[in-house]
C-alpha atoms as a PDB file:
ATOM      1  CA  MET A   1     -16.233 142.771  84.266  1.00  0.00           C
ATOM      2  CA  ASP A   2     -16.447 144.260  87.756  1.00  0.00           C
ATOM      3  CA  PHE A   3     -18.003 142.656  90.802  1.00  0.00           C
ATOM      4  CA  LEU A   4     -21.428 144.270  90.481  1.00  0.00           C
ATOM      5  CA  ASP A   5     -21.683 143.375  86.795  1.00  0.00           C
ATOM      6  CA  MET A   6     -20.744 139.772  87.619  1.00  0.00           C
ATOM      7  CA  LEU A   7     -23.302 139.670  90.408  1.00  0.00           C
ATOM      8  CA  ARG A   8     -26.111 140.978  88.230  1.00  0.00           C
ATOM      9  CA  ALA A   9     -25.183 138.624  85.388  1.00  0.00           C
ATOM     10  CA  ALA A  10     -25.015 135.552  87.641  1.00  0.00           C
ATOM     11  CA  SER A  11     -28.285 136.504  89.367  1.00  0.00           C
ATOM     12  CA  ALA A  12     -30.029 136.815  86.015  1.00  0.00           C
ATOM     13  CA  GLN A  13     -28.479 133.739  84.417  1.00  0.00           C
ATOM     14  CA  ASN A  14     -29.201 131.464  87.387  1.00  0.00           C
ATOM     15  CA  ALA A  15     -32.434 133.220  88.458  1.00  0.00           C
ATOM     16  CA  SER A  16     -30.977 133.339  91.930  1.00  0.00           C
ATOM     17  CA  MET A  17     -30.327 135.451  95.010  1.00  0.00           C
ATOM     18  CA  LEU A  18     -28.679 132.499  96.758  1.00  0.00           C
ATOM     19  CA  CYS A  19     -25.045 132.456  97.852  1.00  0.00           C
ATOM     20  CA  VAL A  20     -23.539 129.202  99.094  1.00  0.00           C
ATOM     21  CA  GLY A  21     -21.082 129.677 101.935  1.00  0.00           C
ATOM     22  CA  LEU A  22     -18.110 127.324 101.826  1.00  0.00           C
ATOM     23  CA  ASP A  23     -17.265 126.677 105.496  1.00  0.00           C
ATOM     24  CA  PRO A  24     -15.806 123.158 105.568  1.00  0.00           C
ATOM     25  CA  GLU A  25     -15.705 121.821 109.130  1.00  0.00           C
ATOM     26  CA  PRO A  26     -13.527 118.669 109.140  1.00  0.00           C
ATOM     27  CA  THR A  27     -15.577 116.897 111.816  1.00  0.00           C
ATOM     28  CA  ARG A  28     -18.752 117.319 109.768  1.00  0.00           C
ATOM     29  CA  LEU A  29     -17.456 116.110 106.422  1.00  0.00           C
ATOM     30  CA  PRO A  30     -18.929 112.929 104.950  1.00  0.00           C
ATOM     31  CA  ALA A  31     -17.176 109.773 106.111  1.00  0.00           C
ATOM     32  CA  CYS A  32     -15.942 109.113 102.595  1.00  0.00           C
ATOM     33  CA  LEU A  33     -13.772 112.265 102.835  1.00  0.00           C
ATOM     34  CA  HIS A  34     -12.581 112.129 106.456  1.00  0.00           C
ATOM     35  CA  GLU A  35      -9.085 110.824 105.778  1.00  0.00           C
ATOM     36  CA  GLY A  36      -8.195 112.427 102.472  1.00  0.00           C
ATOM     37  CA  PRO A  37      -5.268 114.892 102.550  1.00  0.00           C
ATOM     38  CA  ASN A  38      -7.220 117.288 100.322  1.00  0.00           C
ATOM     39  CA  ARG A  39     -10.585 116.691 101.940  1.00  0.00           C
ATOM     40  CA  LEU A  40     -11.507 120.363 102.406  1.00  0.00           C
ATOM     41  CA  TYR A  41     -10.870 121.070  98.749  1.00  0.00           C
ATOM     42  CA  ASP A  42     -12.557 117.870  97.585  1.00  0.00           C
ATOM     43  CA  PHE A  43     -15.662 118.597  99.639  1.00  0.00           C
ATOM     44  CA  CYS A  44     -16.023 122.221  98.589  1.00  0.00           C
ATOM     45  CA  ALA A  45     -15.237 121.544  94.917  1.00  0.00           C
ATOM     46  CA  ALA A  46     -17.998 118.932  94.847  1.00  0.00           C
ATOM     47  CA  ILE A  47     -20.441 121.421  96.392  1.00  0.00           C
ATOM     48  CA  VAL A  48     -19.440 124.046  93.832  1.00  0.00           C
ATOM     49  CA  ASP A  49     -19.945 121.642  90.935  1.00  0.00           C
ATOM     50  CA  ALA A  50     -23.350 120.598  92.269  1.00  0.00           C
ATOM     51  CA  THR A  51     -24.693 124.134  92.793  1.00  0.00           C
ATOM     52  CA  ARG A  52     -22.908 126.405  90.306  1.00  0.00           C
ATOM     53  CA  ASP A  53     -26.035 126.853  88.160  1.00  0.00           C
ATOM     54  CA  LEU A  54     -28.209 127.694  91.195  1.00  0.00           C
ATOM     55  CA  VAL A  55     -26.313 130.544  92.840  1.00  0.00           C
ATOM     56  CA  CYS A  56     -25.448 134.205  92.394  1.00  0.00           C
ATOM     57  CA  ALA A  57     -22.215 133.902  94.421  1.00  0.00           C
ATOM     58  CA  PHE A  58     -19.954 131.622  96.432  1.00  0.00           C
ATOM     59  CA  LYS A  59     -18.532 132.702  99.794  1.00  0.00           C
ATOM     60  CA  PRO A  60     -15.529 130.721 101.065  1.00  0.00           C
ATOM     61  CA  GLN A  61     -14.680 131.480 104.705  1.00  0.00           C
ATOM     62  CA  ILE A  62     -10.908 131.779 105.033  1.00  0.00           C
ATOM     63  CA  ALA A  63     -10.739 130.682 108.700  1.00  0.00           C
ATOM     64  CA  TYR A  64     -12.009 127.185 107.910  1.00  0.00           C
ATOM     65  CA  PHE A  65      -8.959 126.670 105.728  1.00  0.00           C
ATOM     66  CA  ALA A  66      -6.312 128.654 107.617  1.00  0.00           C
ATOM     67  CA  ALA A  67      -7.094 126.971 110.953  1.00  0.00           C
ATOM     68  CA  HIS A  68      -6.076 123.635 109.423  1.00  0.00           C
ATOM     69  CA  GLY A  69      -3.050 124.878 107.485  1.00  0.00           C
ATOM     70  CA  ALA A  70      -5.038 124.384 104.290  1.00  0.00           C
ATOM     71  CA  GLU A  71      -4.548 127.694 102.525  1.00  0.00           C
ATOM     72  CA  ASP A  72      -3.194 125.772  99.550  1.00  0.00           C
ATOM     73  CA  GLN A  73      -6.529 123.975  99.328  1.00  0.00           C
ATOM     74  CA  LEU A  74      -8.327 127.327  99.360  1.00  0.00           C
ATOM     75  CA  GLU A  75      -6.105 128.532  96.523  1.00  0.00           C
ATOM     76  CA  ARG A  76      -6.957 125.388  94.549  1.00  0.00           C
ATOM     77  CA  LEU A  77     -10.640 125.894  95.304  1.00  0.00           C
ATOM     78  CA  MET A  78     -10.513 129.457  94.015  1.00  0.00           C
ATOM     79  CA  GLN A  79      -8.878 128.212  90.819  1.00  0.00           C
ATOM     80  CA  HIS A  80     -11.508 125.476  90.535  1.00  0.00           C
ATOM     81  CA  MET A  81     -14.326 127.999  90.816  1.00  0.00           C
ATOM     82  CA  ARG A  82     -12.684 130.230  88.235  1.00  0.00           C
ATOM     83  CA  ALA A  83     -12.360 127.332  85.810  1.00  0.00           C
ATOM     84  CA  ASN A  84     -15.707 125.617  86.428  1.00  0.00           C
ATOM     85  CA  ALA A  85     -18.029 128.465  87.456  1.00  0.00           C
ATOM     86  CA  PRO A  86     -16.427 131.519  85.838  1.00  0.00           C
ATOM     87  CA  GLN A  87     -19.706 133.421  85.750  1.00  0.00           C
ATOM     88  CA  VAL A  88     -20.213 133.235  89.535  1.00  0.00           C
ATOM     89  CA  PRO A  89     -18.541 135.929  91.671  1.00  0.00           C
ATOM     90  CA  ILE A  90     -16.529 134.847  94.717  1.00  0.00           C
ATOM     91  CA  ILE A  91     -16.764 136.716  98.024  1.00  0.00           C
ATOM     92  CA  LEU A  92     -13.866 135.903 100.332  1.00  0.00           C
ATOM     93  CA  ASP A  93     -15.262 135.974 103.863  1.00  0.00           C
ATOM     94  CA  ALA A  94     -12.299 137.294 105.843  1.00  0.00           C
ATOM     95  CA  LYS A  95     -13.751 140.168 107.934  1.00  0.00           C
ATOM     96  CA  ARG A  96     -10.449 142.007 107.907  1.00  0.00           C
ATOM     97  CA  GLY A  97     -10.192 145.310 109.757  1.00  0.00           C
ATOM     98  CA  ASP A  98      -6.737 146.857 109.929  1.00  0.00           C
ATOM     99  CA  ILE A  99      -5.092 150.004 108.561  1.00  0.00           C
ATOM    100  CA  GLY A 100      -2.073 151.188 106.617  1.00  0.00           C
ATOM    101  CA  SER A 101       0.429 148.742 105.204  1.00  0.00           C
ATOM    102  CA  THR A 102      -1.231 145.837 107.013  1.00  0.00           C
ATOM    103  CA  ALA A 103      -4.541 146.532 105.264  1.00  0.00           C
ATOM    104  CA  GLU A 104      -2.651 146.750 101.984  1.00  0.00           C
ATOM    105  CA  GLN A 105      -1.283 143.273 102.583  1.00  0.00           C
ATOM    106  CA  TYR A 106      -4.706 141.897 103.447  1.00  0.00           C
ATOM    107  CA  ALA A 107      -6.082 143.432 100.240  1.00  0.00           C
ATOM    108  CA  LYS A 108      -3.253 141.842  98.278  1.00  0.00           C
ATOM    109  CA  GLU A 109      -4.020 138.495  99.908  1.00  0.00           C
ATOM    110  CA  ALA A 110      -7.711 138.675  98.989  1.00  0.00           C
ATOM    111  CA  PHE A 111      -7.440 139.986  95.459  1.00  0.00           C
ATOM    112  CA  GLU A 112      -4.014 138.897  94.222  1.00  0.00           C
ATOM    113  CA  ARG A 113      -3.220 135.690  96.084  1.00  0.00           C
ATOM    114  CA  TYR A 114      -6.740 134.262  96.147  1.00  0.00           C
ATOM    115  CA  GLY A 115      -8.262 136.159  93.228  1.00  0.00           C
ATOM    116  CA  ALA A 116     -11.519 136.982  95.019  1.00  0.00           C
ATOM    117  CA  ASP A 117     -14.040 139.335  93.450  1.00  0.00           C
ATOM    118  CA  ALA A 118     -15.047 140.805  96.808  1.00  0.00           C
ATOM    119  CA  VAL A 119     -14.122 140.566 100.475  1.00  0.00           C
ATOM    120  CA  THR A 120     -15.855 141.130 103.815  1.00  0.00           C
ATOM    121  CA  LEU A 121     -14.434 143.832 106.100  1.00  0.00           C
ATOM    122  CA  SER A 122     -14.949 145.266 109.566  1.00  0.00           C
ATOM    123  CA  PRO A 123     -15.235 149.078 109.363  1.00  0.00           C
ATOM    124  CA  PHE A 124     -14.576 149.635 113.083  1.00  0.00           C
ATOM    125  CA  MET A 125     -11.257 151.429 112.438  1.00  0.00           C
ATOM    126  CA  GLY A 126     -12.856 153.800 109.944  1.00  0.00           C
ATOM    127  CA  PHE A 127     -12.335 154.564 106.276  1.00  0.00           C
ATOM    128  CA  ASP A 128      -8.563 154.021 106.636  1.00  0.00           C
ATOM    129  CA  SER A 129      -9.305 150.305 107.012  1.00  0.00           C
ATOM    130  CA  VAL A 130     -11.436 150.206 103.850  1.00  0.00           C
ATOM    131  CA  ALA A 131      -9.532 152.427 101.420  1.00  0.00           C
ATOM    132  CA  PRO A 132      -6.734 149.958 100.482  1.00  0.00           C
ATOM    133  CA  TYR A 133      -9.303 147.489  99.116  1.00  0.00           C
ATOM    134  CA  LEU A 134     -10.856 150.172  96.928  1.00  0.00           C
ATOM    135  CA  GLN A 135      -7.540 150.579  95.119  1.00  0.00           C
ATOM    136  CA  TYR A 136      -8.431 147.434  93.173  1.00  0.00           C
ATOM    137  CA  PRO A 137     -10.755 148.572  90.362  1.00  0.00           C
ATOM    138  CA  GLY A 138     -13.822 146.436  89.931  1.00  0.00           C
ATOM    139  CA  LYS A 139     -13.427 144.590  93.222  1.00  0.00           C
ATOM    140  CA  GLY A 140     -16.061 144.725  95.959  1.00  0.00           C
ATOM    141  CA  ALA A 141     -15.915 145.174  99.725  1.00  0.00           C
ATOM    142  CA  PHE A 142     -18.782 144.269 102.080  1.00  0.00           C
ATOM    143  CA  LEU A 143     -18.760 146.151 105.383  1.00  0.00           C
ATOM    144  CA  LEU A 144     -20.161 144.536 108.508  1.00  0.00           C
ATOM    145  CA  CYS A 145     -23.231 146.587 109.340  1.00  0.00           C
ATOM    146  CA  ARG A 146     -25.957 144.739 111.274  1.00  0.00           C
ATOM    147  CA  THR A 147     -24.799 141.200 111.858  1.00  0.00           C
ATOM    148  CA  SER A 148     -26.954 138.190 112.687  1.00  0.00           C
ATOM    149  CA  ASN A 149     -25.375 137.322 116.062  1.00  0.00           C
ATOM    150  CA  PRO A 150     -27.134 138.442 119.278  1.00  0.00           C
ATOM    151  CA  GLY A 151     -23.960 140.168 120.471  1.00  0.00           C
ATOM    152  CA  GLY A 152     -24.214 142.574 117.561  1.00  0.00           C
ATOM    153  CA  ASP A 153     -26.434 144.689 119.819  1.00  0.00           C
ATOM    154  CA  ASP A 154     -23.439 145.468 122.020  1.00  0.00           C
ATOM    155  CA  LEU A 155     -22.123 147.997 119.487  1.00  0.00           C
ATOM    156  CA  GLN A 156     -24.147 148.030 116.281  1.00  0.00           C
ATOM    157  CA  ASN A 157     -27.454 148.976 117.909  1.00  0.00           C
ATOM    158  CA  GLN A 158     -26.057 151.775 120.085  1.00  0.00           C
ATOM    159  CA  ARG A 159     -26.785 155.406 119.289  1.00  0.00           C
ATOM    160  CA  LEU A 160     -24.068 157.903 118.322  1.00  0.00           C
ATOM    161  CA  ALA A 161     -24.567 161.027 120.410  1.00  0.00           C
ATOM    162  CA  ASP A 162     -22.093 163.099 118.383  1.00  0.00           C
ATOM    163  CA  VAL A 163     -23.713 162.436 114.980  1.00  0.00           C
ATOM    164  CA  GLU A 164     -26.675 164.516 113.835  1.00  0.00           C
ATOM    165  CA  GLY A 165     -29.923 162.714 114.582  1.00  0.00           C
ATOM    166  CA  GLN A 166     -28.146 160.302 116.915  1.00  0.00           C
ATOM    167  CA  PRO A 167     -28.369 157.334 114.532  1.00  0.00           C
ATOM    168  CA  ARG A 168     -27.576 153.831 115.674  1.00  0.00           C
ATOM    169  CA  LEU A 169     -24.096 152.719 114.686  1.00  0.00           C
ATOM    170  CA  TYR A 170     -25.373 150.338 111.999  1.00  0.00           C
ATOM    171  CA  GLU A 171     -27.470 153.142 110.506  1.00  0.00           C
ATOM    172  CA  HIS A 172     -24.421 155.399 110.344  1.00  0.00           C
ATOM    173  CA  ILE A 173     -22.398 152.673 108.599  1.00  0.00           C
ATOM    174  CA  ALA A 174     -25.214 152.222 106.072  1.00  0.00           C
ATOM    175  CA  ARG A 175     -25.207 155.943 105.278  1.00  0.00           C
ATOM    176  CA  LEU A 176     -21.437 155.986 104.861  1.00  0.00           C
ATOM    177  CA  ALA A 177     -21.543 152.997 102.512  1.00  0.00           C
ATOM    178  CA  GLN A 178     -24.252 154.564 100.376  1.00  0.00           C
ATOM    179  CA  GLY A 179     -22.575 157.953 100.378  1.00  0.00           C
ATOM    180  CA  PRO A 180     -19.098 159.361 101.071  1.00  0.00           C
ATOM    181  CA  TRP A 181     -17.192 156.086 101.459  1.00  0.00           C
ATOM    182  CA  ASN A 182     -18.562 154.547  98.262  1.00  0.00           C
ATOM    183  CA  ARG A 183     -16.431 156.570  95.891  1.00  0.00           C
ATOM    184  CA  ASN A 184     -16.399 154.111  93.003  1.00  0.00           C
ATOM    185  CA  GLY A 185     -19.502 152.049  93.677  1.00  0.00           C
ATOM    186  CA  GLN A 186     -17.493 149.192  95.178  1.00  0.00           C
ATOM    187  CA  LEU A 187     -19.105 148.899  98.621  1.00  0.00           C
ATOM    188  CA  GLY A 188     -21.793 146.613  99.957  1.00  0.00           C
ATOM    189  CA  LEU A 189     -23.111 145.859 103.434  1.00  0.00           C
ATOM    190  CA  VAL A 190     -23.485 142.727 105.562  1.00  0.00           C
ATOM    191  CA  VAL A 191     -26.888 142.549 107.266  1.00  0.00           C
ATOM    192  CA  GLY A 192     -28.144 139.457 109.098  1.00  0.00           C
ATOM    193  CA  ALA A 193     -31.306 137.652 108.028  1.00  0.00           C
ATOM    194  CA  THR A 194     -32.339 137.308 111.671  1.00  0.00           C
ATOM    195  CA  TYR A 195     -33.251 141.028 111.738  1.00  0.00           C
ATOM    196  CA  PRO A 196     -35.631 141.659 108.797  1.00  0.00           C
ATOM    197  CA  ALA A 197     -36.899 144.970 110.203  1.00  0.00           C
ATOM    198  CA  GLU A 198     -33.346 146.228 110.338  1.00  0.00           C
ATOM    199  CA  ILE A 199     -32.617 144.933 106.834  1.00  0.00           C
ATOM    200  CA  GLU A 200     -35.489 147.158 105.735  1.00  0.00           C
ATOM    201  CA  ARG A 201     -34.010 150.092 107.650  1.00  0.00           C
ATOM    202  CA  VAL A 202     -30.582 149.547 106.083  1.00  0.00           C
ATOM    203  CA  ARG A 203     -32.169 149.348 102.651  1.00  0.00           C
ATOM    204  CA  ALA A 204     -33.957 152.661 103.245  1.00  0.00           C
ATOM    205  CA  LEU A 205     -30.629 154.305 104.130  1.00  0.00           C
ATOM    206  CA  ALA A 206     -28.609 152.527 101.433  1.00  0.00           C
ATOM    207  CA  PRO A 207     -31.090 151.956  98.588  1.00  0.00           C
ATOM    208  CA  THR A 208     -28.691 150.808  95.898  1.00  0.00           C
ATOM    209  CA  VAL A 209     -25.740 149.058  97.547  1.00  0.00           C
ATOM    210  CA  PRO A 210     -25.699 145.247  97.422  1.00  0.00           C
ATOM    211  CA  LEU A 211     -26.574 143.549 100.691  1.00  0.00           C
ATOM    212  CA  LEU A 212     -24.865 140.326 101.730  1.00  0.00           C
ATOM    213  CA  ILE A 213     -27.340 138.609 104.032  1.00  0.00           C
ATOM    214  CA  PRO A 214     -26.178 135.604 106.084  1.00  0.00           C
ATOM    215  CA  GLY A 215     -28.360 133.766 108.553  1.00  0.00           C
ATOM    216  CA  VAL A 216     -30.833 131.915 106.329  1.00  0.00           C
ATOM    217  CA  GLY A 217     -30.944 128.185 106.971  1.00  0.00           C
ATOM    218  CA  ALA A 218     -29.243 126.820 110.069  1.00  0.00           C
ATOM    219  CA  GLN A 219     -29.318 130.216 111.809  1.00  0.00           C
ATOM    220  CA  GLY A 220     -33.076 130.462 111.429  1.00  0.00           C
ATOM    221  CA  GLY A 221     -33.478 133.567 109.264  1.00  0.00           C
ATOM    222  CA  ASP A 222     -36.780 133.879 107.386  1.00  0.00           C
ATOM    223  CA  ALA A 223     -35.998 133.716 103.662  1.00  0.00           C
ATOM    224  CA  ALA A 224     -39.248 135.326 102.499  1.00  0.00           C
ATOM    225  CA  ALA A 225     -39.041 138.145 105.048  1.00  0.00           C
ATOM    226  CA  THR A 226     -35.430 138.736 104.024  1.00  0.00           C
ATOM    227  CA  VAL A 227     -36.340 139.214 100.367  1.00  0.00           C
ATOM    228  CA  ARG A 228     -39.271 141.488 101.136  1.00  0.00           C
ATOM    229  CA  ALA A 229     -37.105 143.648 103.397  1.00  0.00           C
ATOM    230  CA  GLY A 230     -33.968 143.892 101.298  1.00  0.00           C
ATOM    231  CA  TRP A 231     -34.562 143.293  97.611  1.00  0.00           C
ATOM    232  CA  ARG A 232     -35.138 146.255  95.326  1.00  0.00           C
ATOM    233  CA  PRO A 233     -34.956 146.367  91.512  1.00  0.00           C
ATOM    234  CA  ASP A 234     -31.819 148.525  91.746  1.00  0.00           C
ATOM    235  CA  GLY A 235     -30.599 147.137  95.089  1.00  0.00           C
ATOM    236  CA  PRO A 236     -29.435 143.509  94.806  1.00  0.00           C
ATOM    237  CA  ILE A 237     -29.293 141.076  97.687  1.00  0.00           C
ATOM    238  CA  ILE A 238     -27.031 138.055  98.161  1.00  0.00           C
ATOM    239  CA  VAL A 239     -28.650 135.644 100.612  1.00  0.00           C
ATOM    240  CA  ASN A 240     -26.116 133.265 102.096  1.00  0.00           C
ATOM    241  CA  SER A 241     -26.744 129.757 103.358  1.00  0.00           C
ATOM    242  CA  SER A 242     -23.850 127.587 104.509  1.00  0.00           C
ATOM    243  CA  ARG A 243     -24.477 124.715 106.917  1.00  0.00           C
ATOM    244  CA  ALA A 244     -27.996 123.854 105.737  1.00  0.00           C
ATOM    245  CA  ILE A 245     -26.648 123.223 102.237  1.00  0.00           C
ATOM    246  CA  LEU A 246     -23.168 121.895 102.996  1.00  0.00           C
ATOM    247  CA  TYR A 247     -24.327 119.301 105.489  1.00  0.00           C
ATOM    248  CA  ALA A 248     -27.656 118.314 103.947  1.00  0.00           C
ATOM    249  CA  SER A 249     -26.313 114.738 103.970  1.00  0.00           C
ATOM    250  CA  SER A 250     -23.396 113.006 105.670  1.00  0.00           C
ATOM    251  CA  GLY A 251     -23.324 110.200 103.124  1.00  0.00           C
ATOM    252  CA  LYS A 252     -21.818 109.710  99.701  1.00  0.00           C
ATOM    253  CA  ASP A 253     -24.788 111.596  98.252  1.00  0.00           C
ATOM    254  CA  PHE A 254     -23.708 114.826 100.019  1.00  0.00           C
ATOM    255  CA  ALA A 255     -23.284 116.798  96.794  1.00  0.00           C
ATOM    256  CA  GLN A 256     -26.681 115.808  95.398  1.00  0.00           C
ATOM    257  CA  ALA A 257     -28.289 116.531  98.762  1.00  0.00           C
ATOM    258  CA  ALA A 258     -26.600 119.944  98.777  1.00  0.00           C
ATOM    259  CA  ARG A 259     -28.003 120.602  95.317  1.00  0.00           C
ATOM    260  CA  SER A 260     -31.505 119.664  96.426  1.00  0.00           C
ATOM    261  CA  GLU A 261     -31.316 121.980  99.435  1.00  0.00           C
ATOM    262  CA  ALA A 262     -29.912 124.779  97.280  1.00  0.00           C
ATOM    263  CA  GLU A 263     -32.753 124.312  94.790  1.00  0.00           C
ATOM    264  CA  ARG A 264     -35.272 124.484  97.625  1.00  0.00           C
ATOM    265  CA  THR A 265     -33.739 127.629  99.085  1.00  0.00           C
ATOM    266  CA  ARG A 266     -33.406 129.343  95.731  1.00  0.00           C
ATOM    267  CA  ALA A 267     -37.064 128.630  94.948  1.00  0.00           C
ATOM    268  CA  MET A 268     -38.148 129.971  98.339  1.00  0.00           C
ATOM    269  CA  LEU A 269     -36.237 133.202  97.743  1.00  0.00           C
ATOM    270  CA  GLN A 270     -37.542 133.643  94.207  1.00  0.00           C
ATOM    271  CA  ALA A 271     -41.119 133.034  95.355  1.00  0.00           C
ATOM    272  CA  ALA A 272     -40.833 136.005  97.728  1.00  0.00           C
ATOM    273  CA  LEU A 273     -40.151 138.480  94.928  1.00  0.00           C
ATOM    274  CA  PRO A 274     -42.990 140.935  94.233  1.00  0.00           C
ATOM    275  CA  ALA A 275     -45.243 139.905  91.366  1.00  0.00           C
END
């Protein structure tokens, strides 16, 4: 089963557009996990077990493991998700953006070492930086398009004088992902929930590609506006929430609190669907 099939199946089975981001910050872990040698794995595995029937995807962020020399814990977490939530696709949030043999190695890391179903990429270096990931049949690649950070305006919102119609950079990326770059239907786009009008614009330019939408929850994105702007019957959305769910409680009940917050967010997203 390829990434899109997994996504559609998980969305239908769990009645969900919610993705839980797995960004374990050691200083924010519950006190009961602070000293454990496998605390990043233990924390994230508990979150996975508590929310696996509520989500359409999980999104582990590689930097939160690599910065602490905990890649082995990420590998274990990937195996745990495969064993305990096999129906839920895994998007490795890596935001890679290199070319040639280096990109090939990054693709191998994402899909062979970690076994991810999809990966996030920066398209700044052009199609050369995307193509190696598309050599893995059935795997997905989400291109940064219109991100939720204010600094995204510095490049993404600038017009391209040499392209017909002088589109903004994010609009051009959306067209490429819907069209010539998406040779085997493997591409998606990352669009921040803090810009619902621009989610709608991206959806108009890329009507069928899946949209990965971070920024709901701690970053303040409007869940209902996000669904109205991005969801289409043939254009799935994956709405990510990380901190609001992960750190819903700092006590021993952290997993149950995460489940409660995930249930609340899922219900809010589902309620925004057209009748």
